[in-house]
Every structure is written in structure tokens, then in C-alpha cells.
């Protein structure tokens, strides 16, 4: 059995203060909140954490702060991937020294490497650490898709333990399960139930910021064989998943958290805060779900 960081992982936002500096006090508070509300662990400095606008030093300081805040209560997964293999290796090594439990490494974006380059990239990063490595396949942002065959090849590496699959083509995920034992996480919230139903590990999710216990209940229902109940719970949250995709992530979830009283601050450019119309739609859905009174 490959060592993985749990079934419900929240890809955590990065709280900023009024100057758009990382707010470490709120980062610690949000970590505690998530681990107390259904999450087995958190991803720090992933896409939802606005990683493109964070410096490496900020990321490493965040890794250490969240490790201390988690204090063994949940796994800390560091987002260390980039489109530069050497850079990814260096940040992965620094993350390991900071005490994280695993790393999340995104497909190299923009460069559009061929399969040989993709294999080289992930093999090189995995060889640079003793930590479990989770591959992040998100073709909508990276253009390049990691095929089931490529992922199966990477699964031969002992410490590559799972893929965060944000390719909505479920047939590819099913094929992956047929040809190797690589762990499978839903990379989009609306894939969570389907991935669980096909025997996947769970999800690395965004809506779990605001509906963590209900998403945890989906995981528990499917894992205990009550698939019908898991499906029903998932259907209840479908409209929440949709509204949290009304514009680019993490704009909607930061708006949702602010409505719920979490001091997560704004977003670093080029991302911008939600419009009044978007915020109204998010608030209406949170009320409909009974999350916001």
C-alpha cells in the first residue's frame, strides 16, 4: 500500500493582510479550522493558495508555519511544482527540510514538454526527496495532459504515490485504475463522488473550506459501502461546487470564506476580488445550503 496523506485534503487559500503580505496568524487559524472540520490534511501553496504570486521564501515559511499548526493532527502537503525542473527540485528539498508530509507537483505548464520531458521532470523531482510525491494533472491550466499510460510509467517510482486528477474525463481515471495501483484523488470538487465510487482515495478539494464535514460524510459513506447515500449527499452539494466555479479559483472561495467571517484578505494581482454580482450569487448559495445564516 502506497503511503498517502488521507482521503479529504483541502487545497488551502493563502490569507493576506491589508498590504497583501502573507497573514501567518490567519494561516494558522485556517489550518486549525480545516483540520477540525473534515480535512485529513491541507495543501499549502497550491493553485488555490495563489502559488504563482508567492516567493519561494514565503512558501517555505508557510510550510513551516502550517506544519507547526497542524502539530501531527493532519498531513501537510507542500505545493512545490513549477515549469522548471531545477526550481521544482530546489523547492521540494526546502519543503522536506521544513517538515512537510508530502509534496504536490504540477505538470510543467507553458513549456509543453513531450512525454519524454514529462517523465524526466517527475523522475528528477521524485529522486530529490524521500517524501511521497503526488502528481497534479490539470490540463485546463497546463495544456499538457498526463495520459493514463504516462502516469502508469511514473507509478513504477516508489515515492510517487498518487495523482490529483483534474482531468474531468472519467474514462481516463478508470483506465488508470485498470493498469496500475497509483492512488487517485479527485482534483475537481464535482469529481469527488465519481472518483470514490471507482475506488479512488478521495479528493484534494476547494469547497471543503466551507462544507468540509459534509464532504467528509460523502467520503465516509462511499468507503463504508453506502454508495447511494454518498451519491445523495454529493447531489446536495452540486450547486455549491458550481457557484465556487463562477469565476477563476480561488476568487470565489475567498469570497465565501470572507462571508463566513474568515479573515483571508484579498488576492494578489493579476487575480482580483469577486464582483458584487459574484459575491451575491455565492452568498445566496451559502444560505441555500444552510452554511450562511
Protein backbone atom coordinates (compact mmCIF):
# COMPACT_ATOMS: atom_id res chain seq x y z
CA UNK A 1 0.00 0.00 0.00
CA UNK A 2 1.41 3.39 -1.01
CA UNK A 3 1.63 5.95 1.80
CA UNK A 4 -0.82 8.78 1.13
CA UNK A 5 -1.85 11.81 3.25
CA UNK A 6 -5.53 10.94 3.73
CA UNK A 7 -8.85 10.98 1.92
CA UNK A 8 -10.10 14.56 2.30
CA UNK A 9 -7.41 17.14 1.65
CA UNK A 10 -8.19 20.85 1.37
CA UNK A 11 -6.20 22.91 -1.11
CA UNK A 12 -5.90 25.85 1.26
CA UNK A 13 -6.14 29.54 0.36
CA UNK A 14 -3.35 31.86 1.42
CA UNK A 15 -4.63 34.57 3.77
CA UNK A 16 -3.24 38.04 3.10
CA UNK A 17 -3.31 41.17 5.23
CA UNK A 18 -4.32 44.62 4.01
CA UNK A 19 -0.89 45.05 2.35
CA UNK A 20 -1.24 41.65 0.63
CA UNK A 21 1.54 40.19 2.75
CA UNK A 22 1.01 36.63 3.98
CA UNK A 23 -1.03 36.77 7.20
CA UNK A 24 0.56 34.00 9.23
CA UNK A 25 -1.81 34.39 12.17
CA UNK A 26 -4.80 33.74 9.90
CA UNK A 27 -2.90 30.96 8.09
CA UNK A 28 -2.53 29.13 11.40
CA UNK A 29 -6.17 29.76 12.32
CA UNK A 30 -7.41 28.47 8.96
CA UNK A 31 -5.26 25.36 9.26
CA UNK A 32 -6.83 24.56 12.62
CA UNK A 33 -10.33 25.23 11.30
CA UNK A 34 -9.91 22.90 8.33
CA UNK A 35 -8.42 20.07 10.36
CA UNK A 36 -11.29 20.38 12.83
CA UNK A 37 -13.90 20.32 10.06
CA UNK A 38 -13.41 17.21 7.99
CA UNK A 39 -9.96 17.56 6.43
CA UNK A 40 -7.27 14.92 6.88
CA UNK A 41 -4.72 17.42 5.66
CA UNK A 42 -4.07 20.58 3.68
CA UNK A 43 -2.16 21.61 0.60
CA UNK A 44 -0.09 24.74 1.16
CA UNK A 45 0.87 27.00 -1.76
CA UNK A 46 -1.06 25.17 -4.43
CA UNK A 47 -3.19 26.78 -7.13
CA UNK A 48 -5.84 27.75 -4.58
CA UNK A 49 -3.05 29.22 -2.45
CA UNK A 50 -2.07 31.60 -5.27
CA UNK A 51 1.31 29.93 -5.66
CA UNK A 52 2.36 31.89 -8.79
CA UNK A 53 2.49 35.10 -6.75
CA UNK A 54 4.30 33.66 -3.72
CA UNK A 55 8.08 33.78 -3.44
CA UNK A 56 9.97 30.62 -2.52
CA UNK A 57 10.90 32.15 0.84
CA UNK A 58 7.24 32.90 1.56
CA UNK A 59 6.29 29.36 0.63
CA UNK A 60 8.92 27.77 2.87
CA UNK A 61 7.93 29.98 5.80
CA UNK A 62 4.30 28.98 5.19
CA UNK A 63 5.21 25.28 5.06
CA UNK A 64 6.93 25.54 8.44
CA UNK A 65 4.08 27.53 9.99
CA UNK A 66 1.42 25.07 8.85
CA UNK A 67 3.49 22.08 9.99
CA UNK A 68 3.68 23.67 13.44
CA UNK A 69 -0.03 24.50 13.41
CA UNK A 70 -1.06 21.01 12.29
CA UNK A 71 1.07 19.53 15.08
CA UNK A 72 0.53 15.99 13.87
CA UNK A 73 -3.29 16.35 13.66
CA UNK A 74 -3.25 16.23 9.86
CA UNK A 75 -0.96 15.97 6.87
CA UNK A 76 0.76 18.98 5.33
CA UNK A 77 1.28 18.76 1.57
CA UNK A 78 3.54 21.37 0.01
CA UNK A 79 2.95 22.68 -3.49
CA UNK A 80 6.45 22.58 -4.95
CA UNK A 81 5.93 22.10 -8.69
CA UNK A 82 6.70 24.57 -11.45
CA UNK A 83 7.60 24.52 -15.14
CA UNK A 84 11.31 24.48 -14.26
CA UNK A 85 12.62 21.10 -13.11
CA UNK A 86 15.62 22.52 -11.23
CA UNK A 87 13.38 25.02 -9.44
CA UNK A 88 10.92 22.27 -8.52
CA UNK A 89 13.75 20.15 -7.13
CA UNK A 90 15.10 23.01 -5.01
CA UNK A 91 11.72 23.93 -3.55
CA UNK A 92 10.92 20.27 -2.87
CA UNK A 93 14.17 19.91 -0.92
CA UNK A 94 13.39 23.04 1.09
CA UNK A 95 9.87 21.78 1.78
CA UNK A 96 11.24 18.49 3.10
CA UNK A 97 13.55 20.38 5.45
CA UNK A 98 10.53 22.38 6.66
CA UNK A 99 8.94 19.13 7.83
CA UNK A 100 6.04 18.62 5.41
CA UNK A 101 4.49 15.20 4.91
CA UNK A 102 4.26 15.12 1.11
CA UNK A 103 4.65 17.32 -1.97
CA UNK A 104 2.24 18.14 -4.78
CA UNK A 105 4.00 18.59 -8.13
CA UNK A 106 2.06 20.09 -11.02
CA UNK A 107 2.56 19.19 -14.68
CA UNK A 108 5.06 21.64 -16.23
CA UNK A 109 2.96 24.38 -17.79
CA UNK A 110 3.63 26.66 -20.77
CA UNK A 111 6.75 24.77 -21.94
CA UNK A 112 4.58 21.95 -23.37
CA UNK A 113 7.22 19.24 -22.92
CA UNK A 114 6.79 15.93 -24.79
CA UNK A 115 6.22 12.73 -22.87
CA UNK A 116 9.98 12.11 -22.50
CA UNK A 117 10.34 15.52 -20.87
CA UNK A 118 7.40 14.93 -18.56
CA UNK A 119 8.83 11.61 -17.42
CA UNK A 120 12.23 13.23 -16.86
CA UNK A 121 10.68 16.06 -14.84
CA UNK A 122 8.75 13.90 -12.39
CA UNK A 123 11.51 11.30 -12.08
CA UNK A 124 14.01 14.03 -11.25
CA UNK A 125 11.81 15.64 -8.61
CA UNK A 126 10.95 12.29 -7.03
CA UNK A 127 14.62 11.31 -6.89
CA UNK A 128 15.42 14.52 -5.00
CA UNK A 129 13.25 13.67 -1.97
CA UNK A 130 12.25 10.85 0.32
CA UNK A 131 8.77 12.35 0.66
CA UNK A 132 5.65 10.96 -1.00
CA UNK A 133 5.04 12.77 -4.29
CA UNK A 134 1.55 13.49 -5.61
CA UNK A 135 1.40 14.41 -9.29
CA UNK A 136 -1.05 17.16 -10.23
CA UNK A 137 -2.63 16.69 -13.65
CA UNK A 138 -4.65 19.75 -14.65
CA UNK A 139 -4.75 20.11 -18.44
CA UNK A 140 -7.15 23.07 -18.32
CA UNK A 141 -4.34 25.17 -16.83
CA UNK A 142 -1.25 23.39 -18.15
CA UNK A 143 -2.42 22.49 -21.70
CA UNK A 144 -0.49 19.21 -21.41
CA UNK A 145 -2.43 16.14 -20.22
CA UNK A 146 -0.76 13.21 -18.48
CA UNK A 147 -2.22 10.10 -20.11
CA UNK A 148 -3.02 7.00 -18.05
CA UNK A 149 -0.08 5.29 -19.72
CA UNK A 150 2.34 8.07 -18.73
CA UNK A 151 1.02 8.06 -15.17
CA UNK A 152 1.36 4.26 -15.02
CA UNK A 153 5.00 4.61 -16.06
CA UNK A 154 5.57 7.13 -13.26
CA UNK A 155 3.77 4.82 -10.81
CA UNK A 156 6.78 2.50 -11.06
CA UNK A 157 8.68 5.01 -8.88
CA UNK A 158 8.23 4.05 -5.23
CA UNK A 159 7.64 7.51 -3.78
CA UNK A 160 5.26 8.70 -6.49
CA UNK A 161 2.14 7.68 -4.61
CA UNK A 162 -0.87 9.37 -6.22
CA UNK A 163 -2.22 11.76 -8.81
CA UNK A 164 -4.51 14.71 -8.21
CA UNK A 165 -6.61 14.20 -11.30
CA UNK A 166 -8.23 17.43 -12.52
CA UNK A 167 -8.93 15.97 -15.95
CA UNK A 168 -12.73 15.58 -15.94
CA UNK A 169 -12.58 12.68 -18.44
CA UNK A 170 -13.52 9.91 -16.01
CA UNK A 171 -12.72 7.25 -18.60
CA UNK A 172 -9.04 8.15 -18.26
CA UNK A 173 -9.22 7.75 -14.49
CA UNK A 174 -10.90 4.35 -14.88
CA UNK A 175 -8.20 3.25 -17.31
CA UNK A 176 -5.54 4.37 -14.85
CA UNK A 177 -7.06 2.17 -12.15
CA UNK A 178 -7.04 -0.79 -14.50
CA UNK A 179 -3.36 -0.55 -15.45
CA UNK A 180 -1.61 0.44 -12.20
CA UNK A 181 -2.05 0.96 -8.46
CA UNK A 182 -1.32 4.70 -8.39
CA UNK A 183 -3.56 6.43 -5.85
CA UNK A 184 -6.27 8.63 -7.35
CA UNK A 185 -7.53 11.92 -5.89
CA UNK A 186 -10.33 13.98 -7.41
CA UNK A 187 -8.80 17.27 -8.45
CA UNK A 188 -12.15 18.94 -9.08
CA UNK A 189 -14.83 19.03 -6.38
CA UNK A 190 -17.52 17.75 -8.72
CA UNK A 191 -15.42 14.63 -9.37
CA UNK A 192 -15.24 13.59 -5.70
CA UNK A 193 -18.10 11.10 -5.65
CA UNK A 194 -17.20 9.55 -9.02
CA UNK A 195 -13.56 9.08 -8.01
CA UNK A 196 -14.57 7.49 -4.70
CA UNK A 197 -17.08 5.23 -6.47
CA UNK A 198 -14.35 3.89 -8.75
CA UNK A 199 -12.14 3.09 -5.77
CA UNK A 200 -10.11 6.30 -5.59
CA UNK A 201 -8.58 7.70 -2.44
CA UNK A 202 -10.77 10.80 -2.09
CA UNK A 203 -10.25 14.39 -3.12
CA UNK A 204 -7.96 17.38 -2.94
CA UNK A 205 -10.75 19.89 -2.76
CA UNK A 206 -11.72 23.56 -2.51
CA UNK A 207 -15.36 23.51 -1.36
CA UNK A 208 -14.17 21.72 1.78
CA UNK A 209 -13.17 25.17 3.06
CA UNK A 210 -16.89 25.79 3.67
CA UNK A 211 -18.51 22.32 3.56
CA UNK A 212 -15.77 20.13 4.96
CA UNK A 213 -17.87 17.96 7.25
CA UNK A 214 -20.45 17.31 4.54
CA UNK A 215 -17.77 16.36 2.01
CA UNK A 216 -16.18 14.15 4.65
CA UNK A 217 -19.56 12.43 5.01
CA UNK A 218 -19.51 11.65 1.28
CA UNK A 219 -16.11 10.01 1.68
CA UNK A 220 -17.22 8.01 4.71
CA UNK A 221 -20.48 6.88 3.09
CA UNK A 222 -18.82 5.55 -0.05
CA UNK A 223 -15.97 3.94 1.88
CA UNK A 224 -18.41 2.06 4.11
CA UNK A 225 -20.38 0.81 1.13
CA UNK A 226 -23.37 3.17 1.34
CA UNK A 227 -22.88 4.45 -2.18
CA UNK A 228 -26.49 5.62 -2.56
CA UNK A 229 -26.19 7.85 0.49
CA UNK A 230 -22.87 9.19 -0.75
CA UNK A 231 -24.44 10.00 -4.10
CA UNK A 232 -27.35 11.80 -2.45
CA UNK A 233 -25.03 13.88 -0.28
CA UNK A 234 -22.96 14.74 -3.32
CA UNK A 235 -26.01 15.82 -5.31
CA UNK A 236 -26.96 18.20 -2.50
CA UNK A 237 -23.61 19.95 -2.88
CA UNK A 238 -23.58 20.10 -6.69
CA UNK A 239 -24.84 23.68 -6.79
CA UNK A 240 -22.22 24.74 -4.25
CA UNK A 241 -19.47 23.24 -6.40
CA UNK A 242 -20.89 25.14 -9.35
CA UNK A 243 -21.05 28.54 -7.68
CA UNK A 244 -17.49 28.18 -6.39
CA UNK A 245 -16.51 27.92 -10.06
CA UNK A 246 -18.37 31.06 -11.13
CA UNK A 247 -15.00 32.66 -11.87
CA UNK A 248 -11.34 31.73 -11.56
CA UNK A 249 -10.32 29.81 -8.42
CA UNK A 250 -9.58 30.95 -5.71
CA UNK A 251 -11.62 34.14 -6.17
CA UNK A 252 -14.99 32.54 -5.25
CA UNK A 253 -13.79 30.54 -2.25
CA UNK A 254 -12.04 33.59 -0.78
CA UNK A 255 -15.32 35.48 -1.14
CA UNK A 256 -17.16 32.60 0.55
CA UNK A 257 -14.71 32.50 3.44
CA UNK A 258 -14.99 36.26 3.93
CA UNK A 259 -18.78 35.97 4.07
CA UNK A 260 -18.36 33.35 6.79
CA UNK A 261 -16.10 35.60 8.86
CA UNK A 262 -12.69 34.18 7.99
CA UNK A 263 -10.13 36.95 7.57
CA UNK A 264 -8.43 35.69 4.41
CA UNK A 265 -7.96 39.09 2.77
CA UNK A 266 -7.77 39.93 -0.91
CA UNK A 267 -5.88 38.41 -3.84
CA UNK A 268 -2.56 39.31 -5.37
CA UNK A 269 -2.70 40.66 -8.93
CA UNK A 270 -3.38 39.60 -11.57
CA UNK A 271 -6.18 37.92 -9.62
CA UNK A 272 -8.89 40.26 -8.34
CA UNK A 273 -11.66 40.08 -5.75
CA UNK A 274 -15.11 38.80 -6.66
CA UNK A 275 -17.55 41.27 -8.18
CA UNK A 276 -20.69 42.31 -6.30
CA UNK A 277 -22.77 40.04 -8.53
CA UNK A 278 -20.47 37.06 -7.97
CA UNK A 279 -20.47 37.66 -4.21
CA UNK A 280 -24.25 37.85 -4.16
CA UNK A 281 -24.53 34.53 -6.00
CA UNK A 282 -22.07 32.90 -3.60
CA UNK A 283 -23.91 34.29 -0.56
CA UNK A 284 -27.26 33.08 -1.89
CA UNK A 285 -25.91 29.55 -2.36
CA UNK A 286 -24.29 29.50 1.06
CA UNK A 287 -27.66 30.49 2.55
CA UNK A 288 -29.47 27.85 0.48
CA UNK A 289 -27.05 25.23 1.79
CA UNK A 290 -27.58 26.40 5.39
CA UNK A 291 -23.92 27.37 5.69
CA UNK A 292 -24.51 31.13 5.98
CA UNK A 293 -27.31 32.39 8.20
